[in-house]
């Protein structure tokens, strides 16, 4: 089954216009739409949320959009990405506080 490319084109456009911390990198990996910096070949479109530490290398989380996401609104999909960004930042803050 083919994923809804038009919806993911809009999602990619919205992701690029989001205001997020410069320490966070979002690699958009939507086959046939946006494939910059995509190392992993996934069956589904995904966004790799990475923390760019002082050395440019830090933890990351992958948000994979399987079929259960395809009927969701662009806003819901953005919310899933922002949740992972927030989760990653909270993890880092708790780690730094130890």
PDB file of N, CA and C in Angstrom:
ATOM      1  N   UNK A   1       0.841  -1.200   0.000  1.00  0.00           N
ATOM      2  CA  UNK A   1       0.000   0.000   0.000  1.00  0.00           C
ATOM      3  C   UNK A   1       0.879   1.255   0.000  1.00  0.00           C
ATOM      4  N   UNK A   2       0.547   2.164  -0.828  1.00  0.00           N
ATOM      5  CA  UNK A   2       1.328   3.402  -0.967  1.00  0.00           C
ATOM      6  C   UNK A   2       0.896   4.429   0.075  1.00  0.00           C
ATOM      7  N   UNK A   3       1.854   5.045   0.735  1.00  0.00           N
ATOM      8  CA  UNK A   3       1.504   6.054   1.728  1.00  0.00           C
ATOM      9  C   UNK A   3       1.075   7.357   1.041  1.00  0.00           C
ATOM     10  N   UNK A   4       0.283   8.211   1.745  1.00  0.00           N
ATOM     11  CA  UNK A   4      -0.246   9.450   1.137  1.00  0.00           C
ATOM     12  C   UNK A   4       0.835  10.516   0.970  1.00  0.00           C
ATOM     13  N   UNK A   5       1.482  10.520  -0.191  1.00  0.00           N
ATOM     14  CA  UNK A   5       2.628  11.409  -0.416  1.00  0.00           C
ATOM     15  C   UNK A   5       2.268  12.889  -0.305  1.00  0.00           C
ATOM     16  N   UNK A   6       1.085  13.282  -0.765  1.00  0.00           N
ATOM     17  CA  UNK A   6       0.716  14.701  -0.691  1.00  0.00           C
ATOM     18  C   UNK A   6       0.657  15.179   0.760  1.00  0.00           C
ATOM     19  N   UNK A   7       0.102  14.342   1.633  1.00  0.00           N
ATOM     20  CA  UNK A   7       0.033  14.690   3.060  1.00  0.00           C
ATOM     21  C   UNK A   7       1.443  14.805   3.623  1.00  0.00           C
ATOM     22  N   UNK A   8       2.336  13.905   3.227  1.00  0.00           N
ATOM     23  CA  UNK A   8       3.693  13.933   3.761  1.00  0.00           C
ATOM     24  C   UNK A   8       4.526  15.051   3.141  1.00  0.00           C
ATOM     25  N   UNK A   9       4.179  15.486   1.921  1.00  0.00           N
ATOM     26  CA  UNK A   9       4.830  16.679   1.357  1.00  0.00           C
ATOM     27  C   UNK A   9       4.495  17.890   2.218  1.00  0.00           C
ATOM     28  N   UNK A  10       3.217  17.999   2.592  1.00  0.00           N
ATOM     29  CA  UNK A  10       2.791  19.104   3.456  1.00  0.00           C
ATOM     30  C   UNK A  10       3.467  18.994   4.826  1.00  0.00           C
ATOM     31  N   UNK A  11       3.548  17.786   5.355  1.00  0.00           N
ATOM     32  CA  UNK A  11       4.206  17.580   6.649  1.00  0.00           C
ATOM     33  C   UNK A  11       5.677  17.995   6.568  1.00  0.00           C
ATOM     34  N   UNK A  12       6.365  17.622   5.508  1.00  0.00           N
ATOM     35  CA  UNK A  12       7.776  17.999   5.338  1.00  0.00           C
ATOM     36  C   UNK A  12       7.920  19.520   5.294  1.00  0.00           C
ATOM     37  N   UNK A  13       7.023  20.173   4.576  1.00  0.00           N
ATOM     38  CA  UNK A  13       7.055  21.637   4.480  1.00  0.00           C
ATOM     39  C   UNK A  13       6.871  22.256   5.867  1.00  0.00           C
ATOM     40  N   UNK A  14       5.925  21.725   6.629  1.00  0.00           N
ATOM     41  CA  UNK A  14       5.644  22.258   7.968  1.00  0.00           C
ATOM     42  C   UNK A  14       6.806  21.980   8.931  1.00  0.00           C
ATOM     43  N   UNK A  15       7.422  20.815   8.818  1.00  0.00           N
ATOM     44  CA  UNK A  15       8.561  20.489   9.683  1.00  0.00           C
ATOM     45  C   UNK A  15       9.690  21.488   9.442  1.00  0.00           C
ATOM     46  N   UNK A  16       9.954  21.781   8.176  1.00  0.00           N
ATOM     47  CA  UNK A  16      11.047  22.696   7.829  1.00  0.00           C
ATOM     48  C   UNK A  16      10.810  24.107   8.349  1.00  0.00           C
ATOM     49  N   UNK A  17       9.546  24.491   8.543  1.00  0.00           N
ATOM     50  CA  UNK A  17       9.247  25.848   8.999  1.00  0.00           C
ATOM     51  C   UNK A  17       9.083  25.936  10.520  1.00  0.00           C
ATOM     52  N   UNK A  18       9.235  24.805  11.232  1.00  0.00           N
ATOM     53  CA  UNK A  18       9.083  24.805  12.691  1.00  0.00           C
ATOM     54  C   UNK A  18      10.263  25.490  13.360  1.00  0.00           C
ATOM     55  N   UNK A  19       9.969  26.147  14.466  1.00  0.00           N
ATOM     56  CA  UNK A  19      11.026  26.751  15.280  1.00  0.00           C
ATOM     57  C   UNK A  19      11.399  25.749  16.365  1.00  0.00           C
ATOM     58  N   UNK A  20      12.575  25.157  16.227  1.00  0.00           N
ATOM     59  CA  UNK A  20      13.052  24.222  17.242  1.00  0.00           C
ATOM     60  C   UNK A  20      14.465  24.606  17.653  1.00  0.00           C
ATOM     61  N   UNK A  21      14.904  24.040  18.747  1.00  0.00           N
ATOM     62  CA  UNK A  21      16.236  24.318  19.282  1.00  0.00           C
ATOM     63  C   UNK A  21      17.303  24.004  18.236  1.00  0.00           C
ATOM     64  N   UNK A  22      18.345  24.844  18.146  1.00  0.00           N
ATOM     65  CA  UNK A  22      19.426  24.563  17.198  1.00  0.00           C
ATOM     66  C   UNK A  22      20.200  23.293  17.555  1.00  0.00           C
ATOM     67  N   UNK A  23      19.994  22.776  18.773  1.00  0.00           N
ATOM     68  CA  UNK A  23      20.662  21.541  19.188  1.00  0.00           C
ATOM     69  C   UNK A  23      19.961  20.304  18.635  1.00  0.00           C
ATOM     70  N   UNK A  24      18.785  20.499  18.045  1.00  0.00           N
ATOM     71  CA  UNK A  24      17.988  19.386  17.522  1.00  0.00           C
ATOM     72  C   UNK A  24      18.019  19.393  16.000  1.00  0.00           C
ATOM     73  N   UNK A  25      18.254  18.224  15.427  1.00  0.00           N
ATOM     74  CA  UNK A  25      18.224  18.060  13.974  1.00  0.00           C
ATOM     75  C   UNK A  25      17.084  17.105  13.632  1.00  0.00           C
ATOM     76  N   UNK A  26      16.313  17.475  12.624  1.00  0.00           N
ATOM     77  CA  UNK A  26      15.229  16.617  12.154  1.00  0.00           C
ATOM     78  C   UNK A  26      15.552  16.170  10.734  1.00  0.00           C
ATOM     79  N   UNK A  27      15.840  14.886  10.552  1.00  0.00           N
ATOM     80  CA  UNK A  27      16.097  14.330   9.221  1.00  0.00           C
ATOM     81  C   UNK A  27      14.771  13.754   8.719  1.00  0.00           C
ATOM     82  N   UNK A  28      14.269  14.314   7.638  1.00  0.00           N
ATOM     83  CA  UNK A  28      12.987  13.906   7.069  1.00  0.00           C
ATOM     84  C   UNK A  28      13.248  12.828   6.025  1.00  0.00           C
ATOM     85  N   UNK A  29      12.687  11.656   6.252  1.00  0.00           N
ATOM     86  CA  UNK A  29      12.921  10.517   5.361  1.00  0.00           C
ATOM     87  C   UNK A  29      11.585   9.988   4.862  1.00  0.00           C
ATOM     88  N   UNK A  30      11.066  10.658   3.863  1.00  0.00           N
ATOM     89  CA  UNK A  30       9.801  10.274   3.255  1.00  0.00           C
ATOM     90  C   UNK A  30      10.108   9.828   1.829  1.00  0.00           C
ATOM     91  N   UNK A  31      10.129   8.531   1.556  1.00  0.00           N
ATOM     92  CA  UNK A  31      10.483   8.030   0.224  1.00  0.00           C
ATOM     93  C   UNK A  31       9.679   8.702  -0.890  1.00  0.00           C
ATOM     94  N   UNK A  32      10.414   9.192  -1.887  1.00  0.00           N
ATOM     95  CA  UNK A  32       9.764   9.846  -3.021  1.00  0.00           C
ATOM     96  C   UNK A  32       9.348  11.272  -2.763  1.00  0.00           C
ATOM     97  N   UNK A  33       9.559  11.757  -1.535  1.00  0.00           N
ATOM     98  CA  UNK A  33       9.176  13.130  -1.188  1.00  0.00           C
ATOM     99  C   UNK A  33      10.392  13.894  -0.687  1.00  0.00           C
ATOM    100  N   UNK A  34      11.008  13.376   0.364  1.00  0.00           N
ATOM    101  CA  UNK A  34      12.136  14.043   1.014  1.00  0.00           C
ATOM    102  C   UNK A  34      13.051  12.947   1.552  1.00  0.00           C
ATOM    103  N   UNK A  35      14.291  12.896   1.054  1.00  0.00           N
ATOM    104  CA  UNK A  35      15.162  11.801   1.467  1.00  0.00           C
ATOM    105  C   UNK A  35      16.575  12.251   1.808  1.00  0.00           C
ATOM    106  N   UNK A  36      16.720  13.483   2.235  1.00  0.00           N
ATOM    107  CA  UNK A  36      18.045  13.984   2.601  1.00  0.00           C
ATOM    108  C   UNK A  36      18.530  13.307   3.869  1.00  0.00           C
ATOM    109  N   UNK A  37      19.788  12.982   3.932  1.00  0.00           N
ATOM    110  CA  UNK A  37      20.430  12.451   5.130  1.00  0.00           C
ATOM    111  C   UNK A  37      19.771  11.175   5.674  1.00  0.00           C
ATOM    112  N   UNK A  38      19.164  10.380   4.829  1.00  0.00           N
ATOM    113  CA  UNK A  38      18.490   9.159   5.286  1.00  0.00           C
ATOM    114  C   UNK A  38      19.420   7.965   5.101  1.00  0.00           C
ATOM    115  N   UNK A  39      19.887   7.439   6.208  1.00  0.00           N
ATOM    116  CA  UNK A  39      20.802   6.302   6.149  1.00  0.00           C
ATOM    117  C   UNK A  39      20.032   4.989   6.152  1.00  0.00           C
ATOM    118  N   UNK A  40      19.013   4.905   7.018  1.00  0.00           N
ATOM    119  CA  UNK A  40      18.237   3.671   7.130  1.00  0.00           C
ATOM    120  C   UNK A  40      17.161   3.630   6.054  1.00  0.00           C
ATOM    121  N   UNK A  41      17.026   2.490   5.433  1.00  0.00           N
ATOM    122  CA  UNK A  41      15.930   2.306   4.483  1.00  0.00           C
ATOM    123  C   UNK A  41      14.797   1.638   5.237  1.00  0.00           C
ATOM    124  N   UNK A  42      13.757   2.391   5.471  1.00  0.00           N
ATOM    125  CA  UNK A  42      12.590   1.900   6.194  1.00  0.00           C
ATOM    126  C   UNK A  42      11.475   1.595   5.203  1.00  0.00           C
ATOM    127  N   UNK A  43      10.602   0.715   5.607  1.00  0.00           N
ATOM    128  CA  UNK A  43       9.422   0.420   4.798  1.00  0.00           C
ATOM    129  C   UNK A  43       8.447   1.595   4.826  1.00  0.00           C
ATOM    130  N   UNK A  44       8.502   2.378   5.906  1.00  0.00           N
ATOM    131  CA  UNK A  44       7.567   3.487   6.108  1.00  0.00           C
ATOM    132  C   UNK A  44       8.317   4.811   6.170  1.00  0.00           C
ATOM    133  N   UNK A  45       7.609   5.912   5.900  1.00  0.00           N
ATOM    134  CA  UNK A  45       8.237   7.233   6.066  1.00  0.00           C
ATOM    135  C   UNK A  45       8.564   7.453   7.547  1.00  0.00           C
ATOM    136  N   UNK A  46       9.651   8.175   7.796  1.00  0.00           N
ATOM    137  CA  UNK A  46      10.027   8.455   9.179  1.00  0.00           C
ATOM    138  C   UNK A  46      10.780   9.771   9.290  1.00  0.00           C
ATOM    139  N   UNK A  47      10.866  10.247  10.534  1.00  0.00           N
ATOM    140  CA  UNK A  47      11.661  11.423  10.865  1.00  0.00           C
ATOM    141  C   UNK A  47      12.635  10.991  11.948  1.00  0.00           C
ATOM    142  N   UNK A  48      13.901  11.305  11.762  1.00  0.00           N
ATOM    143  CA  UNK A  48      14.917  11.005  12.761  1.00  0.00           C
ATOM    144  C   UNK A  48      15.190  12.284  13.547  1.00  0.00           C
ATOM    145  N   UNK A  49      14.867  12.251  14.837  1.00  0.00           N
ATOM    146  CA  UNK A  49      15.064  13.386  15.732  1.00  0.00           C
ATOM    147  C   UNK A  49      16.393  13.155  16.444  1.00  0.00           C
ATOM    148  N   UNK A  50      17.370  14.036  16.214  1.00  0.00           N
ATOM    149  CA  UNK A  50      18.712  13.846  16.789  1.00  0.00           C
ATOM    150  C   UNK A  50      19.139  15.053  17.601  1.00  0.00           C
ATOM    151  N   UNK A  51      19.837  14.771  18.687  1.00  0.00           N
ATOM    152  CA  UNK A  51      20.449  15.829  19.486  1.00  0.00           C
ATOM    153  C   UNK A  51      21.871  16.009  18.999  1.00  0.00           C
ATOM    154  N   UNK A  52      22.219  17.230  18.669  1.00  0.00           N
ATOM    155  CA  UNK A  52      23.571  17.528  18.209  1.00  0.00           C
ATOM    156  C   UNK A  52      24.349  18.098  19.386  1.00  0.00           C
ATOM    157  N   UNK A  53      25.085  17.256  20.059  1.00  0.00           N
ATOM    158  CA  UNK A  53      25.870  17.684  21.213  1.00  0.00           C
ATOM    159  C   UNK A  53      27.056  18.529  20.798  1.00  0.00           C
ATOM    160  N   UNK A  54      27.915  18.789  21.739  1.00  0.00           N
ATOM    161  CA  UNK A  54      29.099  19.613  21.471  1.00  0.00           C
ATOM    162  C   UNK A  54      29.954  19.023  20.359  1.00  0.00           C
ATOM    163  N   UNK A  55      29.997  17.694  20.293  1.00  0.00           N
ATOM    164  CA  UNK A  55      30.804  17.046  19.259  1.00  0.00           C
ATOM    165  C   UNK A  55      29.990  16.715  18.012  1.00  0.00           C
ATOM    166  N   UNK A  56      28.724  17.166  17.982  1.00  0.00           N
ATOM    167  CA  UNK A  56      27.877  16.923  16.812  1.00  0.00           C
ATOM    168  C   UNK A  56      27.281  15.532  16.773  1.00  0.00           C
ATOM    169  N   UNK A  57      27.481  14.776  17.854  1.00  0.00           N
ATOM    170  CA  UNK A  57      26.981  13.414  17.886  1.00  0.00           C
ATOM    171  C   UNK A  57      26.254  13.182  19.203  1.00  0.00           C
ATOM    172  N   UNK A  58      24.990  12.839  19.125  1.00  0.00           N
ATOM    173  CA  UNK A  58      24.219  12.614  20.340  1.00  0.00           C
ATOM    174  C   UNK A  58      23.130  11.598  20.093  1.00  0.00           C
ATOM    175  N   UNK A  59      22.276  11.374  21.086  1.00  0.00           N
ATOM    176  CA  UNK A  59      21.211  10.388  20.945  1.00  0.00           C
ATOM    177  C   UNK A  59      20.170  10.828  19.928  1.00  0.00           C
ATOM    178  N   UNK A  60      19.432   9.850  19.439  1.00  0.00           N
ATOM    179  CA  UNK A  60      18.369  10.175  18.490  1.00  0.00           C
ATOM    180  C   UNK A  60      17.183   9.244  18.701  1.00  0.00           C
ATOM    181  N   UNK A  61      16.046   9.682  18.181  1.00  0.00           N
ATOM    182  CA  UNK A  61      14.818   8.902  18.228  1.00  0.00           C
ATOM    183  C   UNK A  61      14.213   8.918  16.837  1.00  0.00           C
ATOM    184  N   UNK A  62      13.674   7.792  16.448  1.00  0.00           N
ATOM    185  CA  UNK A  62      13.064   7.683  15.129  1.00  0.00           C
ATOM    186  C   UNK A  62      11.541   7.646  15.288  1.00  0.00           C
ATOM    187  N   UNK A  63      10.861   8.504  14.543  1.00  0.00           N
ATOM    188  CA  UNK A  63       9.392   8.513  14.518  1.00  0.00           C
ATOM    189  C   UNK A  63       8.986   7.880  13.192  1.00  0.00           C
ATOM    190  N   UNK A  64       8.487   6.646  13.262  1.00  0.00           N
ATOM    191  CA  UNK A  64       8.098   5.908  12.061  1.00  0.00           C
ATOM    192  C   UNK A  64       6.592   6.044  11.871  1.00  0.00           C
ATOM    193  N   UNK A  65       6.204   6.435  10.675  1.00  0.00           N
ATOM    194  CA  UNK A  65       4.785   6.629  10.362  1.00  0.00           C
ATOM    195  C   UNK A  65       4.260   5.430   9.570  1.00  0.00           C
ATOM    196  N   UNK A  66       3.789   4.400  10.301  1.00  0.00           N
ATOM    197  CA  UNK A  66       3.208   3.236   9.629  1.00  0.00           C
ATOM    198  C   UNK A  66       1.761   3.530   9.226  1.00  0.00           C
ATOM    199  N   UNK A  67       1.078   2.525   8.698  1.00  0.00           N
ATOM    200  CA  UNK A  67      -0.276   2.736   8.177  1.00  0.00           C
ATOM    201  C   UNK A  67      -1.237   3.353   9.183  1.00  0.00           C
ATOM    202  N   UNK A  68      -1.038   3.078  10.463  1.00  0.00           N
ATOM    203  CA  UNK A  68      -1.968   3.610  11.465  1.00  0.00           C
ATOM    204  C   UNK A  68      -1.932   5.141  11.533  1.00  0.00           C
ATOM    205  N   UNK A  69      -0.875   5.756  11.025  1.00  0.00           N
ATOM    206  CA  UNK A  69      -0.760   7.220  11.016  1.00  0.00           C
ATOM    207  C   UNK A  69      -1.315   7.861   9.739  1.00  0.00           C
ATOM    208  N   UNK A  70      -1.501   7.096   8.697  1.00  0.00           N
ATOM    209  CA  UNK A  70      -1.766   7.671   7.385  1.00  0.00           C
ATOM    210  C   UNK A  70      -3.076   8.430   7.285  1.00  0.00           C
ATOM    211  N   UNK A  71      -4.039   8.130   8.129  1.00  0.00           N
ATOM    212  CA  UNK A  71      -5.299   8.863   8.099  1.00  0.00           C
ATOM    213  C   UNK A  71      -5.320  10.020   9.082  1.00  0.00           C
ATOM    214  N   UNK A  72      -4.229  10.208   9.818  1.00  0.00           N
ATOM    215  CA  UNK A  72      -4.136  11.300  10.790  1.00  0.00           C
ATOM    216  C   UNK A  72      -3.945  12.633  10.067  1.00  0.00           C
ATOM    217  N   UNK A  73      -4.304  13.697  10.755  1.00  0.00           N
ATOM    218  CA  UNK A  73      -4.102  15.033  10.187  1.00  0.00           C
ATOM    219  C   UNK A  73      -2.619  15.395  10.246  1.00  0.00           C
ATOM    220  N   UNK A  74      -2.239  16.373   9.445  1.00  0.00           N
ATOM    221  CA  UNK A  74      -0.855  16.860   9.457  1.00  0.00           C
ATOM    222  C   UNK A  74      -0.511  17.376  10.861  1.00  0.00           C
ATOM    223  N   UNK A  75      -1.482  18.018  11.520  1.00  0.00           N
ATOM    224  CA  UNK A  75      -1.256  18.538  12.868  1.00  0.00           C
ATOM    225  C   UNK A  75      -0.956  17.398  13.846  1.00  0.00           C
ATOM    226  N   UNK A  76      -1.680  16.285  13.721  1.00  0.00           N
ATOM    227  CA  UNK A  76      -1.427  15.126  14.595  1.00  0.00           C
ATOM    228  C   UNK A  76      -0.038  14.550  14.348  1.00  0.00           C
ATOM    229  N   UNK A  77       0.362  14.489  13.081  1.00  0.00           N
ATOM    230  CA  UNK A  77       1.684  13.971  12.747  1.00  0.00           C
ATOM    231  C   UNK A  77       2.777  14.893  13.296  1.00  0.00           C
ATOM    232  N   UNK A  78       2.558  16.206  13.173  1.00  0.00           N
ATOM    233  CA  UNK A  78       3.512  17.166  13.749  1.00  0.00           C
ATOM    234  C   UNK A  78       3.588  16.996  15.261  1.00  0.00           C
ATOM    235  N   UNK A  79       2.438  16.748  15.878  1.00  0.00           N
ATOM    236  CA  UNK A  79       2.396  16.541  17.324  1.00  0.00           C
ATOM    237  C   UNK A  79       3.233  15.343  17.740  1.00  0.00           C
ATOM    238  N   UNK A  80       3.194  14.270  16.957  1.00  0.00           N
ATOM    239  CA  UNK A  80       3.987  13.068  17.260  1.00  0.00           C
ATOM    240  C   UNK A  80       5.477  13.399  17.204  1.00  0.00           C
ATOM    241  N   UNK A  81       5.865  14.200  16.229  1.00  0.00           N
ATOM    242  CA  UNK A  81       7.282  14.594  16.098  1.00  0.00           C
ATOM    243  C   UNK A  81       7.685  15.487  17.264  1.00  0.00           C
ATOM    244  N   UNK A  82       6.845  16.465  17.581  1.00  0.00           N
ATOM    245  CA  UNK A  82       7.170  17.382  18.677  1.00  0.00           C
ATOM    246  C   UNK A  82       7.225  16.644  20.016  1.00  0.00           C
ATOM    247  N   UNK A  83       6.394  15.627  20.172  1.00  0.00           N
ATOM    248  CA  UNK A  83       6.437  14.820  21.394  1.00  0.00           C
ATOM    249  C   UNK A  83       7.803  14.149  21.530  1.00  0.00           C
ATOM    250  N   UNK A  84       8.338  13.631  20.432  1.00  0.00           N
ATOM    251  CA  UNK A  84       9.652  12.986  20.477  1.00  0.00           C
ATOM    252  C   UNK A  84      10.762  14.003  20.732  1.00  0.00           C
ATOM    253  N   UNK A  85      10.636  15.204  20.166  1.00  0.00           N
ATOM    254  CA  UNK A  85      11.627  16.261  20.425  1.00  0.00           C
ATOM    255  C   UNK A  85      11.627  16.587  21.920  1.00  0.00           C
ATOM    256  N   UNK A  86      10.433  16.781  22.479  1.00  0.00           N
ATOM    257  CA  UNK A  86      10.304  17.105  23.900  1.00  0.00           C
ATOM    258  C   UNK A  86      10.837  15.964  24.761  1.00  0.00           C
ATOM    259  N   UNK A  87      10.494  14.744  24.404  1.00  0.00           N
ATOM    260  CA  UNK A  87      10.943  13.569  25.144  1.00  0.00           C
ATOM    261  C   UNK A  87      12.473  13.468  25.141  1.00  0.00           C
ATOM    262  N   UNK A  88      13.077  13.696  23.990  1.00  0.00           N
ATOM    263  CA  UNK A  88      14.534  13.642  23.877  1.00  0.00           C
ATOM    264  C   UNK A  88      15.182  14.723  24.742  1.00  0.00           C
ATOM    265  N   UNK A  89      14.638  15.930  24.705  1.00  0.00           N
ATOM    266  CA  UNK A  89      15.181  17.029  25.510  1.00  0.00           C
ATOM    267  C   UNK A  89      15.050  16.721  27.006  1.00  0.00           C
ATOM    268  N   UNK A  90      13.911  16.155  27.417  1.00  0.00           N
ATOM    269  CA  UNK A  90      13.713  15.811  28.829  1.00  0.00           C
ATOM    270  C   UNK A  90      14.689  14.723  29.265  1.00  0.00           C
ATOM    271  N   UNK A  91      14.924  13.745  28.399  1.00  0.00           N
ATOM    272  CA  UNK A  91      15.894  12.690  28.705  1.00  0.00           C
ATOM    273  C   UNK A  91      17.280  13.278  28.911  1.00  0.00           C
ATOM    274  N   UNK A  92      17.656  14.175  28.032  1.00  0.00           N
ATOM    275  CA  UNK A  92      18.986  14.793  28.134  1.00  0.00           C
ATOM    276  C   UNK A  92      19.115  15.634  29.397  1.00  0.00           C
ATOM    277  N   UNK A  93      18.067  16.375  29.735  1.00  0.00           N
ATOM    278  CA  UNK A  93      18.112  17.185  30.936  1.00  0.00           C
ATOM    279  C   UNK A  93      18.226  16.323  32.186  1.00  0.00           C
ATOM    280  N   UNK A  94      17.499  15.215  32.227  1.00  0.00           N
ATOM    281  CA  UNK A  94      17.580  14.333  33.395  1.00  0.00           C
ATOM    282  C   UNK A  94      18.949  13.664  33.463  1.00  0.00           C
ATOM    283  N   UNK A  95      19.526  13.348  32.313  1.00  0.00           N
ATOM    284  CA  UNK A  95      20.856  12.749  32.275  1.00  0.00           C
ATOM    285  C   UNK A  95      21.914  13.725  32.771  1.00  0.00           C
ATOM    286  N   UNK A  96      21.795  14.987  32.329  1.00  0.00           N
ATOM    287  CA  UNK A  96      22.761  16.014  32.735  1.00  0.00           C
ATOM    288  C   UNK A  96      22.647  16.321  34.221  1.00  0.00           C
ATOM    289  N   UNK A  97      21.443  16.126  34.792  1.00  0.00           N
ATOM    290  CA  UNK A  97      21.229  16.428  36.211  1.00  0.00           C
ATOM    291  C   UNK A  97      21.772  15.366  37.148  1.00  0.00           C
ATOM    292  N   UNK A  98      22.175  14.220  36.620  1.00  0.00           N
ATOM    293  CA  UNK A  98      22.677  13.136  37.478  1.00  0.00           C
ATOM    294  C   UNK A  98      24.076  13.405  37.977  1.00  0.00           C
TER     295      UNK A  98
END
